[in-house]
Amino acid sequence: MGKHIAFIEEMPFFETFHSKGKAIIDIDAFEKWIHEIRNTEFLTSEDRRDRKKAFEESESGKSLNLAEAMEEW
């Protein structure tokens, strides 16, 4: 599965560019979009893998060593 990066002009609420780094959007469409995606996950495959591993460790009774995790991170 390829990674798709959405550009602002592809978003359903986009209207036009205003100036460099600024866009004009339809606020009602933006709020509707936010409502529709509120249960959508924006995780990378690496994020999902890490989350799955954390849940598995938690279920097996392993606990997080915060000091160790901070050093690894």
PDB file of N, CA and C in Angstrom:
ATOM      1  N   MET A   1       0.848  -1.163   0.000  1.00  0.00           N
ATOM      2  CA  MET A   1       0.000   0.000   0.000  1.00  0.00           C
ATOM      3  C   MET A   1       0.900   1.233   0.000  1.00  0.00           C
ATOM      4  N   GLY A   2       0.722   2.129  -0.948  1.00  0.00           N
ATOM      5  CA  GLY A   2       1.527   3.329  -1.033  1.00  0.00           C
ATOM      6  C   GLY A   2       1.052   4.394  -0.068  1.00  0.00           C
ATOM      7  N   LYS A   3       1.947   5.275   0.237  1.00  0.00           N
ATOM      8  CA  LYS A   3       1.617   6.362   1.148  1.00  0.00           C
ATOM      9  C   LYS A   3       1.088   7.533   0.326  1.00  0.00           C
ATOM     10  N   HIS A   4      -0.080   8.021   0.662  1.00  0.00           N
ATOM     11  CA  HIS A   4      -0.683   9.137  -0.047  1.00  0.00           C
ATOM     12  C   HIS A   4      -0.609  10.377   0.831  1.00  0.00           C
ATOM     13  N   ILE A   5      -0.031  11.403   0.286  1.00  0.00           N
ATOM     14  CA  ILE A   5       0.027  12.675   1.004  1.00  0.00           C
ATOM     15  C   ILE A   5      -0.999  13.601   0.371  1.00  0.00           C
ATOM     16  N   ALA A   6      -1.966  14.030   1.165  1.00  0.00           N
ATOM     17  CA  ALA A   6      -3.013  14.906   0.654  1.00  0.00           C
ATOM     18  C   ALA A   6      -2.512  16.349   0.604  1.00  0.00           C
ATOM     19  N   PHE A   7      -2.795  16.983  -0.483  1.00  0.00           N
ATOM     20  CA  PHE A   7      -2.493  18.398  -0.611  1.00  0.00           C
ATOM     21  C   PHE A   7      -3.743  19.175  -0.245  1.00  0.00           C
ATOM     22  N   ILE A   8      -3.563  20.364   0.282  1.00  0.00           N
ATOM     23  CA  ILE A   8      -4.706  21.163   0.736  1.00  0.00           C
ATOM     24  C   ILE A   8      -5.734  21.345  -0.376  1.00  0.00           C
ATOM     25  N   GLU A   9      -5.266  21.507  -1.605  1.00  0.00           N
ATOM     26  CA  GLU A   9      -6.219  21.736  -2.701  1.00  0.00           C
ATOM     27  C   GLU A   9      -7.053  20.493  -3.026  1.00  0.00           C
ATOM     28  N   GLU A  10      -6.677  19.323  -2.484  1.00  0.00           N
ATOM     29  CA  GLU A  10      -7.456  18.106  -2.663  1.00  0.00           C
ATOM     30  C   GLU A  10      -8.519  17.930  -1.576  1.00  0.00           C
ATOM     31  N   MET A  11      -8.463  18.769  -0.560  1.00  0.00           N
ATOM     32  CA  MET A  11      -9.379  18.614   0.563  1.00  0.00           C
ATOM     33  C   MET A  11     -10.761  19.173   0.199  1.00  0.00           C
ATOM     34  N   PRO A  12     -11.814  18.569   0.745  1.00  0.00           N
ATOM     35  CA  PRO A  12     -13.178  18.967   0.362  1.00  0.00           C
ATOM     36  C   PRO A  12     -13.569  20.377   0.803  1.00  0.00           C
ATOM     37  N   PHE A  13     -12.837  20.966   1.695  1.00  0.00           N
ATOM     38  CA  PHE A  13     -13.173  22.296   2.200  1.00  0.00           C
ATOM     39  C   PHE A  13     -12.341  23.403   1.555  1.00  0.00           C
ATOM     40  N   PHE A  14     -11.370  23.041   0.732  1.00  0.00           N
ATOM     41  CA  PHE A  14     -10.483  24.026   0.100  1.00  0.00           C
ATOM     42  C   PHE A  14     -11.240  24.850  -0.938  1.00  0.00           C
ATOM     43  N   GLU A  15     -10.982  26.154  -0.940  1.00  0.00           N
ATOM     44  CA  GLU A  15     -11.587  27.022  -1.948  1.00  0.00           C
ATOM     45  C   GLU A  15     -10.525  27.588  -2.881  1.00  0.00           C
ATOM     46  N   THR A  16      -9.528  28.267  -2.343  1.00  0.00           N
ATOM     47  CA  THR A  16      -8.473  28.849  -3.171  1.00  0.00           C
ATOM     48  C   THR A  16      -7.289  29.211  -2.287  1.00  0.00           C
ATOM     49  N   PHE A  17      -6.171  29.470  -2.914  1.00  0.00           N
ATOM     50  CA  PHE A  17      -5.016  29.957  -2.165  1.00  0.00           C
ATOM     51  C   PHE A  17      -5.173  31.454  -1.942  1.00  0.00           C
ATOM     52  N   HIS A  18      -4.705  31.920  -0.795  1.00  0.00           N
ATOM     53  CA  HIS A  18      -4.757  33.344  -0.465  1.00  0.00           C
ATOM     54  C   HIS A  18      -3.399  33.983  -0.713  1.00  0.00           C
ATOM     55  N   SER A  19      -2.379  33.439  -0.122  1.00  0.00           N
ATOM     56  CA  SER A  19      -1.003  33.897  -0.297  1.00  0.00           C
ATOM     57  C   SER A  19      -0.098  32.756   0.127  1.00  0.00           C
ATOM     58  N   LYS A  20       1.190  32.959   0.100  1.00  0.00           N
ATOM     59  CA  LYS A  20       2.117  31.877   0.436  1.00  0.00           C
ATOM     60  C   LYS A  20       1.826  31.334   1.839  1.00  0.00           C
ATOM     61  N   GLY A  21       1.531  30.036   1.891  1.00  0.00           N
ATOM     62  CA  GLY A  21       1.270  29.381   3.165  1.00  0.00           C
ATOM     63  C   GLY A  21      -0.126  29.610   3.714  1.00  0.00           C
ATOM     64  N   LYS A  22      -1.001  30.239   2.942  1.00  0.00           N
ATOM     65  CA  LYS A  22      -2.363  30.522   3.426  1.00  0.00           C
ATOM     66  C   LYS A  22      -3.387  30.120   2.377  1.00  0.00           C
ATOM     67  N   ALA A  23      -4.491  29.591   2.861  1.00  0.00           N
ATOM     68  CA  ALA A  23      -5.559  29.158   1.967  1.00  0.00           C
ATOM     69  C   ALA A  23      -6.892  29.673   2.490  1.00  0.00           C
ATOM     70  N   ILE A  24      -7.826  29.797   1.588  1.00  0.00           N
ATOM     71  CA  ILE A  24      -9.196  30.145   1.954  1.00  0.00           C
ATOM     72  C   ILE A  24      -9.988  28.849   1.904  1.00  0.00           C
ATOM     73  N   ILE A  25     -10.698  28.574   3.003  1.00  0.00           N
ATOM     74  CA  ILE A  25     -11.487  27.350   3.084  1.00  0.00           C
ATOM     75  C   ILE A  25     -12.931  27.674   3.410  1.00  0.00           C
ATOM     76  N   ASP A  26     -13.806  26.733   3.116  1.00  0.00           N
ATOM     77  CA  ASP A  26     -15.214  26.825   3.474  1.00  0.00           C
ATOM     78  C   ASP A  26     -15.337  26.262   4.891  1.00  0.00           C
ATOM     79  N   ILE A  27     -15.629  27.117   5.842  1.00  0.00           N
ATOM     80  CA  ILE A  27     -15.677  26.710   7.253  1.00  0.00           C
ATOM     81  C   ILE A  27     -16.734  25.640   7.495  1.00  0.00           C
ATOM     82  N   ASP A  28     -17.915  25.793   6.884  1.00  0.00           N
ATOM     83  CA  ASP A  28     -18.958  24.777   7.070  1.00  0.00           C
ATOM     84  C   ASP A  28     -18.500  23.426   6.546  1.00  0.00           C
ATOM     85  N   ALA A  29     -17.865  23.411   5.380  1.00  0.00           N
ATOM     86  CA  ALA A  29     -17.361  22.153   4.813  1.00  0.00           C
ATOM     87  C   ALA A  29     -16.237  21.589   5.677  1.00  0.00           C
ATOM     88  N   PHE A  30     -15.393  22.467   6.235  1.00  0.00           N
ATOM     89  CA  PHE A  30     -14.311  22.020   7.108  1.00  0.00           C
ATOM     90  C   PHE A  30     -14.871  21.363   8.367  1.00  0.00           C
ATOM     91  N   GLU A  31     -15.847  22.001   9.000  1.00  0.00           N
ATOM     92  CA  GLU A  31     -16.452  21.439  10.200  1.00  0.00           C
ATOM     93  C   GLU A  31     -17.137  20.107   9.902  1.00  0.00           C
ATOM     94  N   LYS A  32     -17.790  20.004   8.744  1.00  0.00           N
ATOM     95  CA  LYS A  32     -18.423  18.748   8.349  1.00  0.00           C
ATOM     96  C   LYS A  32     -17.355  17.671   8.160  1.00  0.00           C
ATOM     97  N   TRP A  33     -16.241  18.013   7.512  1.00  0.00           N
ATOM     98  CA  TRP A  33     -15.146  17.072   7.286  1.00  0.00           C
ATOM     99  C   TRP A  33     -14.564  16.594   8.610  1.00  0.00           C
ATOM    100  N   ILE A  34     -14.333  17.524   9.541  1.00  0.00           N
ATOM    101  CA  ILE A  34     -13.811  17.164  10.871  1.00  0.00           C
ATOM    102  C   ILE A  34     -14.767  16.185  11.554  1.00  0.00           C
ATOM    103  N   HIS A  35     -16.054  16.466  11.475  1.00  0.00           N
ATOM    104  CA  HIS A  35     -17.057  15.589  12.094  1.00  0.00           C
ATOM    105  C   HIS A  35     -17.009  14.191  11.467  1.00  0.00           C
ATOM    106  N   GLU A  36     -16.873  14.131  10.145  1.00  0.00           N
ATOM    107  CA  GLU A  36     -16.866  12.852   9.435  1.00  0.00           C
ATOM    108  C   GLU A  36     -15.623  12.019   9.729  1.00  0.00           C
ATOM    109  N   ILE A  37     -14.485  12.665   9.970  1.00  0.00           N
ATOM    110  CA  ILE A  37     -13.239  11.922  10.164  1.00  0.00           C
ATOM    111  C   ILE A  37     -12.869  11.725  11.622  1.00  0.00           C
ATOM    112  N   ARG A  38     -13.703  12.149  12.527  1.00  0.00           N
ATOM    113  CA  ARG A  38     -13.329  12.120  13.941  1.00  0.00           C
ATOM    114  C   ARG A  38     -12.939  10.743  14.441  1.00  0.00           C
ATOM    115  N   ASN A  39     -13.422   9.690  13.827  1.00  0.00           N
ATOM    116  CA  ASN A  39     -13.051   8.338  14.241  1.00  0.00           C
ATOM    117  C   ASN A  39     -12.012   7.714  13.314  1.00  0.00           C
ATOM    118  N   THR A  40     -11.479   8.518  12.422  1.00  0.00           N
ATOM    119  CA  THR A  40     -10.458   8.046  11.493  1.00  0.00           C
ATOM    120  C   THR A  40      -9.103   8.136  12.162  1.00  0.00           C
ATOM    121  N   GLU A  41      -8.313   7.109  11.983  1.00  0.00           N
ATOM    122  CA  GLU A  41      -6.980   7.092  12.563  1.00  0.00           C
ATOM    123  C   GLU A  41      -5.975   7.594  11.544  1.00  0.00           C
ATOM    124  N   PHE A  42      -5.057   8.411  11.989  1.00  0.00           N
ATOM    125  CA  PHE A  42      -4.016   8.931  11.131  1.00  0.00           C
ATOM    126  C   PHE A  42      -2.672   8.397  11.626  1.00  0.00           C
ATOM    127  N   LEU A  43      -2.532   7.085  11.589  1.00  0.00           N
ATOM    128  CA  LEU A  43      -1.318   6.452  12.067  1.00  0.00           C
ATOM    129  C   LEU A  43      -0.547   5.859  10.889  1.00  0.00           C
ATOM    130  N   THR A  44       0.749   5.924  10.975  1.00  0.00           N
ATOM    131  CA  THR A  44       1.575   5.257   9.982  1.00  0.00           C
ATOM    132  C   THR A  44       1.578   3.767  10.293  1.00  0.00           C
ATOM    133  N   SER A  45       2.065   2.965   9.359  1.00  0.00           N
ATOM    134  CA  SER A  45       2.141   1.522   9.618  1.00  0.00           C
ATOM    135  C   SER A  45       3.073   1.254  10.792  1.00  0.00           C
ATOM    136  N   GLU A  46       4.127   2.068  10.951  1.00  0.00           N
ATOM    137  CA  GLU A  46       5.037   1.919  12.090  1.00  0.00           C
ATOM    138  C   GLU A  46       4.325   2.241  13.399  1.00  0.00           C
ATOM    139  N   ASP A  47       3.496   3.293  13.391  1.00  0.00           N
ATOM    140  CA  ASP A  47       2.715   3.643  14.583  1.00  0.00           C
ATOM    141  C   ASP A  47       1.785   2.500  14.968  1.00  0.00           C
ATOM    142  N   ARG A  48       1.099   1.920  13.969  1.00  0.00           N
ATOM    143  CA  ARG A  48       0.174   0.814  14.248  1.00  0.00           C
ATOM    144  C   ARG A  48       0.922  -0.393  14.797  1.00  0.00           C
ATOM    145  N   ARG A  49       2.111  -0.689  14.248  1.00  0.00           N
ATOM    146  CA  ARG A  49       2.912  -1.815  14.715  1.00  0.00           C
ATOM    147  C   ARG A  49       3.344  -1.584  16.169  1.00  0.00           C
ATOM    148  N   ASP A  50       3.816  -0.366  16.465  1.00  0.00           N
ATOM    149  CA  ASP A  50       4.241  -0.052  17.829  1.00  0.00           C
ATOM    150  C   ASP A  50       3.069  -0.130  18.805  1.00  0.00           C
ATOM    151  N   ARG A  51       1.913   0.359  18.384  1.00  0.00           N
ATOM    152  CA  ARG A  51       0.736   0.317  19.248  1.00  0.00           C
ATOM    153  C   ARG A  51       0.316  -1.126  19.505  1.00  0.00           C
ATOM    154  N   LYS A  52       0.343  -1.960  18.450  1.00  0.00           N
ATOM    155  CA  LYS A  52      -0.024  -3.367  18.603  1.00  0.00           C
ATOM    156  C   LYS A  52       0.921  -4.046  19.582  1.00  0.00           C
ATOM    157  N   LYS A  53       2.214  -3.782  19.456  1.00  0.00           N
ATOM    158  CA  LYS A  53       3.200  -4.381  20.354  1.00  0.00           C
ATOM    159  C   LYS A  53       2.946  -3.936  21.799  1.00  0.00           C
ATOM    160  N   ALA A  54       2.650  -2.660  21.990  1.00  0.00           N
ATOM    161  CA  ALA A  54       2.394  -2.145  23.338  1.00  0.00           C
ATOM    162  C   ALA A  54       1.169  -2.813  23.956  1.00  0.00           C
ATOM    163  N   PHE A  55       0.097  -2.981  23.160  1.00  0.00           N
ATOM    164  CA  PHE A  55      -1.099  -3.640  23.677  1.00  0.00           C
ATOM    165  C   PHE A  55      -0.810  -5.089  24.024  1.00  0.00           C
ATOM    166  N   GLU A  56      -0.045  -5.780  23.165  1.00  0.00           N
ATOM    167  CA  GLU A  56       0.293  -7.178  23.441  1.00  0.00           C
ATOM    168  C   GLU A  56       1.104  -7.300  24.724  1.00  0.00           C
ATOM    169  N   GLU A  57       2.066  -6.406  24.906  1.00  0.00           N
ATOM    170  CA  GLU A  57       2.875  -6.436  26.128  1.00  0.00           C
ATOM    171  C   GLU A  57       2.018  -6.141  27.354  1.00  0.00           C
ATOM    172  N   SER A  58       1.108  -5.212  27.218  1.00  0.00           N
ATOM    173  CA  SER A  58       0.223  -4.874  28.333  1.00  0.00           C
ATOM    174  C   SER A  58      -0.668  -6.058  28.699  1.00  0.00           C
ATOM    175  N   GLU A  59      -1.216  -6.731  27.676  1.00  0.00           N
ATOM    176  CA  GLU A  59      -2.086  -7.878  27.918  1.00  0.00           C
ATOM    177  C   GLU A  59      -1.335  -9.047  28.555  1.00  0.00           C
ATOM    178  N   SER A  60      -0.031  -9.166  28.246  1.00  0.00           N
ATOM    179  CA  SER A  60       0.738 -10.284  28.803  1.00  0.00           C
ATOM    180  C   SER A  60       1.309  -9.947  30.186  1.00  0.00           C
ATOM    181  N   GLY A  61       0.985  -8.770  30.700  1.00  0.00           N
ATOM    182  CA  GLY A  61       1.405  -8.403  32.045  1.00  0.00           C
ATOM    183  C   GLY A  61       2.709  -7.644  32.110  1.00  0.00           C
ATOM    184  N   LYS A  62       3.305  -7.382  30.962  1.00  0.00           N
ATOM    185  CA  LYS A  62       4.541  -6.601  30.967  1.00  0.00           C
ATOM    186  C   LYS A  62       4.178  -5.134  31.162  1.00  0.00           C
ATOM    187  N   SER A  63       4.972  -4.454  31.948  1.00  0.00           N
ATOM    188  CA  SER A  63       4.705  -3.037  32.153  1.00  0.00           C
ATOM    189  C   SER A  63       5.817  -2.209  31.528  1.00  0.00           C
ATOM    190  N   LEU A  64       5.537  -0.970  31.287  1.00  0.00           N
ATOM    191  CA  LEU A  64       6.479  -0.059  30.661  1.00  0.00           C
ATOM    192  C   LEU A  64       7.452   0.493  31.687  1.00  0.00           C
ATOM    193  N   ASN A  65       8.716   0.390  31.363  1.00  0.00           N
ATOM    194  CA  ASN A  65       9.753   1.032  32.167  1.00  0.00           C
ATOM    195  C   ASN A  65       9.973   2.394  31.522  1.00  0.00           C
ATOM    196  N   LEU A  66       9.386   3.437  32.087  1.00  0.00           N
ATOM    197  CA  LEU A  66       9.410   4.756  31.483  1.00  0.00           C
ATOM    198  C   LEU A  66      10.819   5.284  31.276  1.00  0.00           C
ATOM    199  N   ALA A  67      11.693   5.084  32.236  1.00  0.00           N
ATOM    200  CA  ALA A  67      13.085   5.573  32.109  1.00  0.00           C
ATOM    201  C   ALA A  67      13.764   4.897  30.917  1.00  0.00           C
ATOM    202  N   GLU A  68      13.568   3.597  30.797  1.00  0.00           N
ATOM    203  CA  GLU A  68      14.156   2.858  29.673  1.00  0.00           C
ATOM    204  C   GLU A  68      13.561   3.298  28.334  1.00  0.00           C
ATOM    205  N   ALA A  69      12.253   3.483  28.319  1.00  0.00           N
ATOM    206  CA  ALA A  69      11.594   3.923  27.090  1.00  0.00           C
ATOM    207  C   ALA A  69      12.073   5.294  26.641  1.00  0.00           C
ATOM    208  N   MET A  70      12.285   6.192  27.599  1.00  0.00           N
ATOM    209  CA  MET A  70      12.758   7.534  27.264  1.00  0.00           C
ATOM    210  C   MET A  70      14.172   7.479  26.689  1.00  0.00           C
ATOM    211  N   GLU A  71      15.010   6.577  27.219  1.00  0.00           N
ATOM    212  CA  GLU A  71      16.371   6.444  26.695  1.00  0.00           C
ATOM    213  C   GLU A  71      16.354   5.898  25.281  1.00  0.00           C
ATOM    214  N   GLU A  72      15.459   4.940  24.995  1.00  0.00           N
ATOM    215  CA  GLU A  72      15.356   4.362  23.660  1.00  0.00           C
ATOM    216  C   GLU A  72      14.802   5.361  22.673  1.00  0.00           C
ATOM    217  N   TRP A  73      13.909   6.211  23.123  1.00  0.00           N
ATOM    218  CA  TRP A  73      13.265   7.172  22.245  1.00  0.00           C
ATOM    219  C   TRP A  73      14.220   8.266  21.922  1.00  0.00           C
TER     220      TRP A  73
END
